[in-house]
Structures are given as structure tokens and as C-alpha cells.
Amino acid sequence: MTTMTPLSNDTTDFLRFLKTRFHLYHCSNVFFRDFQYGIMAYAEEKGTHVSYAKAEELVKEVIARLAAAGTLKAVKPGSWMLNYDPFRKPPVKPEAAPKAGVAAAPAKPAAASTT
């Protein structure tokens, strides 16, 4: 990848950029076209134009590198699972249970219709 040295040097920056464009989370599916359009937008943001065909070549290289590093796991041809802990969603805390001795507010009766 000689034309896009920022992408070849820092895939974490590229992944962060993709996260701003697509819903990327740890264990989410990522598709070939997501990477392709992401590379084109990333290059444009860096002041470089990458053609559709060149982006396709770059995607193959980036995916091979991320798969070798264990960041991507192949699911099907053209789709991968993102295995990247920094993109893990924060845990959702369950609602607190009502305290003992405190009754829940009674439900309001429905308004009577006058027909």
C-alpha cells in the first residue's frame, strides 16, 4: 500500500474512522463494501483520492492484515466479525429494584370517553 501510507501505518486510526461512519462494535459484522467505502472516505479526509478499483485492492490488503492480527475473523466470503476489545460496548446496568416498604405509584385510570 504505497499510495496510502497513513492507512498502512495506523489501522487503529482507520478503525476509529470507520466507527464514526458505521456501527462498529466488538463482535459486530463488517462487510467488504463497508471497508471499501470507508477507505475511499478515509483517503478523501486525508486529502487523497482513491478510485473504486484501487480501494478494492487496498481493502484486500487491509483485511488480510487485520485477519492475520486476529482483529477480523472470517464469517462468510465478504463478511467478517470484528474482534476488537476497544470497541466493546459498555455494560448496561439493570434498573434498581424497588426498595422494600416503598409501594409503586398507582397507575392512573384511563380517561373515560364520552361518546
Protein backbone atom coordinates (compact mmCIF):
# COMPACT_ATOMS: atom_id res chain seq x y z
CA MET A 1 0.00 0.00 0.00
CA THR A 2 2.34 2.66 -1.15
CA THR A 3 -0.32 5.21 -2.09
CA MET A 4 -1.91 5.47 1.34
CA THR A 5 0.82 5.39 3.92
CA PRO A 6 -1.41 6.72 6.75
CA LEU A 7 -3.65 3.68 6.32
CA SER A 8 -0.79 1.25 6.11
CA ASN A 9 0.87 2.61 9.24
CA ASP A 10 -2.08 3.01 11.57
CA THR A 11 -5.01 0.64 11.28
CA THR A 12 -6.37 1.70 14.69
CA ASP A 13 -6.91 5.23 13.38
CA PHE A 14 -8.65 3.75 10.34
CA LEU A 15 -10.87 1.57 12.54
CA ARG A 16 -11.79 4.60 14.66
CA PHE A 17 -12.66 6.45 11.47
CA LEU A 18 -14.85 3.54 10.32
CA LYS A 19 -16.60 3.54 13.68
CA THR A 20 -17.69 7.14 13.07
CA ARG A 21 -19.22 6.09 9.74
CA PHE A 22 -20.64 2.65 10.51
CA HIS A 23 -21.91 0.81 13.57
CA LEU A 24 -18.68 -0.93 14.52
CA TYR A 25 -18.59 -2.72 17.84
CA HIS A 26 -16.64 -5.65 19.23
CA CYS A 27 -18.14 -8.84 17.73
CA SER A 28 -20.16 -6.96 15.09
CA ASN A 29 -20.25 -7.97 11.43
CA VAL A 30 -18.26 -5.93 8.93
CA PHE A 31 -18.67 -6.28 5.19
CA PHE A 32 -16.28 -5.86 2.29
CA ARG A 33 -18.12 -2.81 0.95
CA ASP A 34 -18.05 -1.15 4.39
CA PHE A 35 -14.27 -1.32 4.22
CA GLN A 36 -14.18 -0.23 0.59
CA TYR A 37 -16.30 2.89 1.05
CA GLY A 38 -14.55 3.52 4.36
CA ILE A 39 -11.16 3.53 2.65
CA MET A 40 -12.40 5.92 -0.02
CA ALA A 41 -13.80 8.32 2.61
CA TYR A 42 -10.70 7.98 4.81
CA ALA A 43 -8.43 8.82 1.88
CA GLU A 44 -10.59 11.78 0.95
CA GLU A 45 -10.41 13.08 4.51
CA LYS A 46 -6.62 12.78 4.35
CA GLY A 47 -6.59 14.77 1.10
CA THR A 48 -6.05 11.85 -1.30
CA HIS A 49 -8.35 10.46 -3.97
CA VAL A 50 -8.66 6.68 -4.20
CA SER A 51 -10.59 5.18 -7.09
CA TYR A 52 -13.18 2.46 -6.62
CA ALA A 53 -10.87 -0.17 -8.12
CA LYS A 54 -7.86 0.95 -6.06
CA ALA A 55 -9.99 0.92 -2.90
CA GLU A 56 -10.91 -2.67 -3.68
CA GLU A 57 -7.22 -3.61 -3.85
CA LEU A 58 -6.48 -1.76 -0.61
CA VAL A 59 -9.37 -3.47 1.16
CA LYS A 60 -7.94 -6.88 0.38
CA GLU A 61 -4.60 -5.86 1.90
CA VAL A 62 -6.16 -4.26 4.98
CA ILE A 63 -8.45 -7.23 5.60
CA ALA A 64 -5.54 -9.67 5.22
CA ARG A 65 -3.51 -7.69 7.74
CA LEU A 66 -6.38 -7.35 10.24
CA ALA A 67 -7.23 -11.04 9.90
CA ALA A 68 -3.60 -12.02 10.48
CA ALA A 69 -3.57 -9.87 13.61
CA GLY A 70 -6.78 -11.52 14.86
CA THR A 71 -8.80 -8.31 14.64
CA LEU A 72 -11.09 -9.80 11.99
CA LYS A 73 -12.48 -13.33 11.86
CA ALA A 74 -14.00 -14.57 8.60
CA VAL A 75 -17.69 -15.40 8.82
CA LYS A 76 -18.53 -15.84 5.13
CA PRO A 77 -16.90 -14.66 1.94
CA GLY A 78 -17.20 -10.88 2.06
CA SER A 79 -18.06 -10.62 5.76
CA TRP A 80 -16.03 -10.69 8.96
CA MET A 81 -16.60 -10.40 12.68
CA LEU A 82 -14.73 -7.57 14.36
CA ASN A 83 -12.70 -8.87 17.29
CA TYR A 84 -11.52 -5.58 18.76
CA ASP A 85 -11.89 -5.06 22.52
CA PRO A 86 -11.57 -1.24 22.48
CA PHE A 87 -14.89 -1.18 20.58
CA ARG A 88 -16.67 -3.27 23.21
CA LYS A 89 -19.99 -1.73 24.25
CA PRO A 90 -20.18 -0.65 27.89
CA PRO A 91 -22.30 -2.98 30.00
CA VAL A 92 -25.89 -1.92 30.58
CA LYS A 93 -26.74 -1.73 34.25
CA PRO A 94 -30.12 -3.21 35.17
CA GLU A 95 -32.66 -0.92 36.77
CA ALA A 96 -32.54 -0.88 40.54
CA ALA A 97 -35.21 -2.98 42.19
CA PRO A 98 -37.78 -1.01 44.23
CA LYS A 99 -36.86 -0.73 47.87
CA ALA A 100 -38.76 -2.83 50.36
CA GLY A 101 -41.63 -0.99 52.01
CA VAL A 102 -41.98 1.54 49.22
CA ALA A 103 -45.08 0.97 47.16
CA ALA A 104 -45.08 1.68 43.49
CA ALA A 105 -47.14 4.65 42.36
CA PRO A 106 -50.67 3.59 41.45
CA ALA A 107 -51.48 3.62 37.78
CA LYS A 108 -53.67 6.47 36.61
CA PRO A 109 -57.09 5.38 35.41
CA ALA A 110 -57.74 5.80 31.73
CA ALA A 111 -59.82 8.80 30.75
CA ALA A 112 -63.44 7.89 30.17
CA SER A 113 -64.56 8.51 26.66
CA THR A 114 -67.77 10.43 26.16
CA THR A 115 -69.43 9.13 23.08
